[in-house]
Amino acid sequence: MEMIIRGDKIKVTDSMKDYIKEKLEKLNKYLKNNNEIRANIAVRVKGKDQIVEITIPLKSLILRSEEKQDNFYKAVDKTIDKLVRQLRKNKTRLTKHNKDKEIELDEIKEEKDTEEVIKRKTVSVKPMNEEEAILQMELLDHSFYMFKNEEGKASVVYKRKNGGYGIITSE
């Protein structure tokens, strides 16, 4: 697996790179053609916290995990554990979704799928601009809001973890 490691407000040392590489080896048993796979790793410092974010784009999906800890090594461990848990938890979905069998899931012990759809809701999507959508979201005290933008495309406005808002628009 090819690794691209970048540090933000931190110099990533060789020992840190070696530790990440060693821990990423856990994922190799789940991924076929792992020499063609690229893992993007971002290491950041925010205050006293170390933040490790790992993104692995595959042909049919993207694996992503981010963890914030007071210790770099703990953050790496937790991030890798989350990625393994994502693979295990979604074994059946991934097998159905992934026709190329890019992910080797035979060795993964399937965990009980506890996340199921609890409620379905149909909403009428009204045309409005982004500011109106943000206002609606705030008035409803939701973390996201679906609307039609001024071009008539379906869009979602959402609150970002680090503050501010994001907008997703359909093509």
C-alpha atoms as a PDB file:
ATOM      1  CA  MET A   1       0.000   0.000   0.000  1.00  0.00           C
ATOM      2  CA  GLU A   2       1.372   3.367  -0.998  1.00  0.00           C
ATOM      3  CA  MET A   3       1.228   5.978   1.744  1.00  0.00           C
ATOM      4  CA  ILE A   4       1.129   9.725   1.332  1.00  0.00           C
ATOM      5  CA  ILE A   5       1.715  11.289   4.730  1.00  0.00           C
ATOM      6  CA  ARG A   6       1.510  14.997   5.339  1.00  0.00           C
ATOM      7  CA  GLY A   7       1.822  16.955   8.537  1.00  0.00           C
ATOM      8  CA  ASP A   8      -0.004  20.140   9.406  1.00  0.00           C
ATOM      9  CA  LYS A   9       1.739  22.148  12.145  1.00  0.00           C
ATOM     10  CA  ILE A  10       3.832  19.061  12.893  1.00  0.00           C
ATOM     11  CA  LYS A  11       6.907  17.433  11.385  1.00  0.00           C
ATOM     12  CA  VAL A  12       6.184  13.782  10.683  1.00  0.00           C
ATOM     13  CA  THR A  13       9.292  11.860  11.768  1.00  0.00           C
ATOM     14  CA  ASP A  14      10.529   8.560  10.350  1.00  0.00           C
ATOM     15  CA  SER A  15       9.449   6.734  13.501  1.00  0.00           C
ATOM     16  CA  MET A  16       5.923   8.157  13.114  1.00  0.00           C
ATOM     17  CA  LYS A  17       5.861   7.047   9.461  1.00  0.00           C
ATOM     18  CA  ASP A  18       7.081   3.574  10.435  1.00  0.00           C
ATOM     19  CA  TYR A  19       4.396   3.294  13.107  1.00  0.00           C
ATOM     20  CA  ILE A  20       1.645   4.278  10.662  1.00  0.00           C
ATOM     21  CA  LYS A  21       2.990   1.823   8.076  1.00  0.00           C
ATOM     22  CA  GLU A  22       3.100  -0.978  10.637  1.00  0.00           C
ATOM     23  CA  LYS A  23      -0.485  -0.332  11.727  1.00  0.00           C
ATOM     24  CA  LEU A  24      -1.767  -0.041   8.134  1.00  0.00           C
ATOM     25  CA  GLU A  25      -0.524  -3.601   7.588  1.00  0.00           C
ATOM     26  CA  LYS A  26      -3.697  -4.706   9.444  1.00  0.00           C
ATOM     27  CA  LEU A  27      -5.740  -3.580   6.443  1.00  0.00           C
ATOM     28  CA  ASN A  28      -3.673  -5.485   3.884  1.00  0.00           C
ATOM     29  CA  LYS A  29      -5.385  -8.768   4.701  1.00  0.00           C
ATOM     30  CA  TYR A  30      -8.750  -7.199   3.811  1.00  0.00           C
ATOM     31  CA  LEU A  31      -7.716  -5.516   0.569  1.00  0.00           C
ATOM     32  CA  LYS A  32      -6.825  -7.178  -2.730  1.00  0.00           C
ATOM     33  CA  ASN A  33      -4.201  -5.577  -4.953  1.00  0.00           C
ATOM     34  CA  ASN A  34      -2.994  -3.582  -1.978  1.00  0.00           C
ATOM     35  CA  ASN A  35       0.128  -2.467  -3.878  1.00  0.00           C
ATOM     36  CA  GLU A  36      -2.186  -0.438  -6.159  1.00  0.00           C
ATOM     37  CA  ILE A  37      -3.961   1.250  -3.242  1.00  0.00           C
ATOM     38  CA  ARG A  38      -2.975   4.685  -1.968  1.00  0.00           C
ATOM     39  CA  ALA A  39      -3.613   5.748   1.619  1.00  0.00           C
ATOM     40  CA  ASN A  40      -3.712   9.489   2.305  1.00  0.00           C
ATOM     41  CA  ILE A  41      -2.735  10.242   5.888  1.00  0.00           C
ATOM     42  CA  ALA A  42      -2.967  13.683   7.445  1.00  0.00           C
ATOM     43  CA  VAL A  43      -1.440  14.353  10.856  1.00  0.00           C
ATOM     44  CA  ARG A  44      -2.466  17.603  12.513  1.00  0.00           C
ATOM     45  CA  VAL A  45      -1.997  19.308  15.837  1.00  0.00           C
ATOM     46  CA  LYS A  46      -4.764  21.387  17.365  1.00  0.00           C
ATOM     47  CA  GLY A  47      -3.929  22.681  20.810  1.00  0.00           C
ATOM     48  CA  LYS A  48      -2.749  19.685  22.824  1.00  0.00           C
ATOM     49  CA  ASP A  49      -4.582  17.197  20.591  1.00  0.00           C
ATOM     50  CA  GLN A  50      -3.042  15.117  17.831  1.00  0.00           C
ATOM     51  CA  ILE A  51      -5.436  14.437  14.947  1.00  0.00           C
ATOM     52  CA  VAL A  52      -4.860  11.564  12.532  1.00  0.00           C
ATOM     53  CA  GLU A  53      -7.023  11.258   9.425  1.00  0.00           C
ATOM     54  CA  ILE A  54      -6.714   8.318   7.033  1.00  0.00           C
ATOM     55  CA  THR A  55      -8.507   8.266   3.679  1.00  0.00           C
ATOM     56  CA  ILE A  56      -8.249   5.290   1.337  1.00  0.00           C
ATOM     57  CA  PRO A  57     -10.029   5.811  -1.989  1.00  0.00           C
ATOM     58  CA  LEU A  58     -10.940   2.505  -3.640  1.00  0.00           C
ATOM     59  CA  LYS A  59     -12.599   1.949  -7.005  1.00  0.00           C
ATOM     60  CA  SER A  60     -16.121   1.712  -5.642  1.00  0.00           C
ATOM     61  CA  LEU A  61     -15.971   3.419  -2.236  1.00  0.00           C
ATOM     62  CA  ILE A  62     -13.874   5.525   0.090  1.00  0.00           C
ATOM     63  CA  LEU A  63     -12.687   4.337   3.492  1.00  0.00           C
ATOM     64  CA  ARG A  64     -12.153   7.245   5.884  1.00  0.00           C
ATOM     65  CA  SER A  65     -11.507   7.646   9.569  1.00  0.00           C
ATOM     66  CA  GLU A  66     -10.366  10.498  11.785  1.00  0.00           C
ATOM     67  CA  GLU A  67      -9.414  10.415  15.437  1.00  0.00           C
ATOM     68  CA  LYS A  68      -8.340  13.070  17.927  1.00  0.00           C
ATOM     69  CA  GLN A  69      -6.254  12.056  20.957  1.00  0.00           C
ATOM     70  CA  ASP A  70      -3.702  13.626  23.279  1.00  0.00           C
ATOM     71  CA  ASN A  71      -1.140  11.087  22.016  1.00  0.00           C
ATOM     72  CA  PHE A  72      -0.170  10.501  18.364  1.00  0.00           C
ATOM     73  CA  TYR A  73       0.176   6.729  18.769  1.00  0.00           C
ATOM     74  CA  LYS A  74      -3.241   6.397  20.415  1.00  0.00           C
ATOM     75  CA  ALA A  75      -4.769   8.422  17.583  1.00  0.00           C
ATOM     76  CA  VAL A  76      -3.211   6.135  14.949  1.00  0.00           C
ATOM     77  CA  ASP A  77      -4.396   3.001  16.799  1.00  0.00           C
ATOM     78  CA  LYS A  78      -7.953   4.275  17.123  1.00  0.00           C
ATOM     79  CA  THR A  79      -8.076   5.430  13.492  1.00  0.00           C
ATOM     80  CA  ILE A  80      -6.946   2.026  12.190  1.00  0.00           C
ATOM     81  CA  ASP A  81      -9.372   0.251  14.537  1.00  0.00           C
ATOM     82  CA  LYS A  82     -12.217   2.368  13.138  1.00  0.00           C
ATOM     83  CA  LEU A  83     -11.288   1.416   9.560  1.00  0.00           C
ATOM     84  CA  VAL A  84     -11.188  -2.293  10.437  1.00  0.00           C
ATOM     85  CA  ARG A  85     -14.518  -1.964  12.256  1.00  0.00           C
ATOM     86  CA  GLN A  86     -16.030  -0.231   9.194  1.00  0.00           C
ATOM     87  CA  LEU A  87     -14.964  -3.151   7.012  1.00  0.00           C
ATOM     88  CA  ARG A  88     -16.282  -5.748   9.456  1.00  0.00           C
ATOM     89  CA  LYS A  89     -19.551  -4.020  10.170  1.00  0.00           C
ATOM     90  CA  ASN A  90     -20.437  -3.462   6.546  1.00  0.00           C
ATOM     91  CA  LYS A  91     -19.261  -6.824   5.231  1.00  0.00           C
ATOM     92  CA  THR A  92     -22.527  -7.769   3.539  1.00  0.00           C
ATOM     93  CA  ARG A  93     -23.169  -4.333   2.101  1.00  0.00           C
ATOM     94  CA  LEU A  94     -19.634  -4.089   0.750  1.00  0.00           C
ATOM     95  CA  THR A  95     -19.793  -7.544  -0.818  1.00  0.00           C
ATOM     96  CA  LYS A  96     -23.021  -6.676  -2.656  1.00  0.00           C
ATOM     97  CA  HIS A  97     -21.777  -3.214  -3.615  1.00  0.00           C
ATOM     98  CA  ASN A  98     -18.319  -4.230  -4.751  1.00  0.00           C
ATOM     99  CA  LYS A  99     -18.618  -6.182  -7.987  1.00  0.00           C
ATOM    100  CA  ASP A 100     -14.856  -6.163  -8.694  1.00  0.00           C
ATOM    101  CA  LYS A 101     -14.154  -7.902  -5.374  1.00  0.00           C
ATOM    102  CA  GLU A 102     -11.520  -5.287  -4.673  1.00  0.00           C
ATOM    103  CA  ILE A 103     -12.014  -5.891  -0.982  1.00  0.00           C
ATOM    104  CA  GLU A 104     -11.301  -9.396   0.264  1.00  0.00           C
ATOM    105  CA  LEU A 105     -14.024  -9.956   2.814  1.00  0.00           C
ATOM    106  CA  ASP A 106     -13.852 -13.712   3.326  1.00  0.00           C
ATOM    107  CA  GLU A 107     -11.507 -13.340   6.267  1.00  0.00           C
ATOM    108  CA  ILE A 108     -13.623 -10.713   7.997  1.00  0.00           C
ATOM    109  CA  LYS A 109     -15.770 -11.988  10.804  1.00  0.00           C
ATOM    110  CA  GLU A 110     -19.145 -10.360  10.347  1.00  0.00           C
ATOM    111  CA  GLU A 111     -20.399  -8.255  13.226  1.00  0.00           C
ATOM    112  CA  LYS A 112     -24.085  -7.948  13.974  1.00  0.00           C
ATOM    113  CA  ASP A 113     -25.553  -5.086  11.970  1.00  0.00           C
ATOM    114  CA  THR A 114     -27.119  -2.908  14.654  1.00  0.00           C
ATOM    115  CA  GLU A 115     -27.615   0.110  12.444  1.00  0.00           C
ATOM    116  CA  GLU A 116     -30.883  -0.220  10.626  1.00  0.00           C
ATOM    117  CA  VAL A 117     -33.281   2.329   9.284  1.00  0.00           C
ATOM    118  CA  ILE A 118     -35.465   3.370  12.207  1.00  0.00           C
ATOM    119  CA  LYS A 119     -37.564   6.037  10.573  1.00  0.00           C
ATOM    120  CA  ARG A 120     -38.341   7.177   7.060  1.00  0.00           C
ATOM    121  CA  LYS A 121     -39.558  10.645   6.302  1.00  0.00           C
ATOM    122  CA  THR A 122     -40.756  12.331   3.135  1.00  0.00           C
ATOM    123  CA  VAL A 123     -40.236  16.052   2.847  1.00  0.00           C
ATOM    124  CA  SER A 124     -41.184  18.602   0.272  1.00  0.00           C
ATOM    125  CA  VAL A 125     -38.029  20.241  -0.991  1.00  0.00           C
ATOM    126  CA  LYS A 126     -38.559  23.942  -1.557  1.00  0.00           C
ATOM    127  CA  PRO A 127     -36.470  26.212  -3.766  1.00  0.00           C
ATOM    128  CA  MET A 128     -34.416  28.750  -1.773  1.00  0.00           C
ATOM    129  CA  ASN A 129     -30.981  30.282  -1.574  1.00  0.00           C
ATOM    130  CA  GLU A 130     -28.221  29.040   0.736  1.00  0.00           C
ATOM    131  CA  GLU A 131     -28.804  31.684   3.423  1.00  0.00           C
ATOM    132  CA  GLU A 132     -32.492  30.760   3.686  1.00  0.00           C
ATOM    133  CA  ALA A 133     -31.558  27.066   3.948  1.00  0.00           C
ATOM    134  CA  ILE A 134     -29.094  27.793   6.760  1.00  0.00           C
ATOM    135  CA  LEU A 135     -31.743  29.824   8.560  1.00  0.00           C
ATOM    136  CA  GLN A 136     -34.278  26.976   8.189  1.00  0.00           C
ATOM    137  CA  MET A 137     -31.733  24.470   9.503  1.00  0.00           C
ATOM    138  CA  GLU A 138     -30.987  26.676  12.523  1.00  0.00           C
ATOM    139  CA  LEU A 139     -34.687  27.252  13.213  1.00  0.00           C
ATOM    140  CA  LEU A 140     -35.315  23.491  13.159  1.00  0.00           C
ATOM    141  CA  ASP A 141     -32.169  22.923  15.258  1.00  0.00           C
ATOM    142  CA  HIS A 142     -30.957  20.234  12.835  1.00  0.00           C
ATOM    143  CA  SER A 143     -27.391  19.494  11.749  1.00  0.00           C
ATOM    144  CA  PHE A 144     -28.400  19.452   8.058  1.00  0.00           C
ATOM    145  CA  TYR A 145     -31.187  20.666   5.786  1.00  0.00           C
ATOM    146  CA  MET A 146     -32.239  19.581   2.288  1.00  0.00           C
ATOM    147  CA  PHE A 147     -33.428  22.147  -0.267  1.00  0.00           C
ATOM    148  CA  LYS A 148     -33.494  23.010  -3.973  1.00  0.00           C
ATOM    149  CA  ASN A 149     -30.963  25.655  -4.890  1.00  0.00           C
ATOM    150  CA  GLU A 150     -31.709  28.556  -7.217  1.00  0.00           C
ATOM    151  CA  GLU A 151     -30.764  26.376 -10.224  1.00  0.00           C
ATOM    152  CA  GLY A 152     -33.361  23.772  -9.175  1.00  0.00           C
ATOM    153  CA  LYS A 153     -30.760  21.177  -8.095  1.00  0.00           C
ATOM    154  CA  ALA A 154     -31.145  19.152  -4.899  1.00  0.00           C
ATOM    155  CA  SER A 155     -28.747  20.426  -2.235  1.00  0.00           C
ATOM    156  CA  VAL A 156     -27.940  19.797   1.403  1.00  0.00           C
ATOM    157  CA  VAL A 157     -26.501  22.340   3.810  1.00  0.00           C
ATOM    158  CA  TYR A 158     -24.813  20.940   6.946  1.00  0.00           C
ATOM    159  CA  LYS A 159     -22.900  22.074  10.016  1.00  0.00           C
ATOM    160  CA  ARG A 160     -19.191  21.244   9.923  1.00  0.00           C
ATOM    161  CA  LYS A 161     -17.385  19.823  12.961  1.00  0.00           C
ATOM    162  CA  ASN A 162     -14.853  22.649  12.988  1.00  0.00           C
ATOM    163  CA  GLY A 163     -17.483  25.349  12.617  1.00  0.00           C
ATOM    164  CA  GLY A 164     -19.100  26.912   9.612  1.00  0.00           C
ATOM    165  CA  TYR A 165     -21.320  25.233   7.047  1.00  0.00           C
ATOM    166  CA  GLY A 166     -20.912  22.953   4.047  1.00  0.00           C
ATOM    167  CA  ILE A 167     -23.093  22.531   0.992  1.00  0.00           C
ATOM    168  CA  ILE A 168     -23.558  19.410  -1.109  1.00  0.00           C
ATOM    169  CA  THR A 169     -25.208  19.864  -4.500  1.00  0.00           C
ATOM    170  CA  SER A 170     -26.356  17.196  -6.951  1.00  0.00           C
ATOM    171  CA  GLU A 171     -25.213  17.252 -10.569  1.00  0.00           C
END
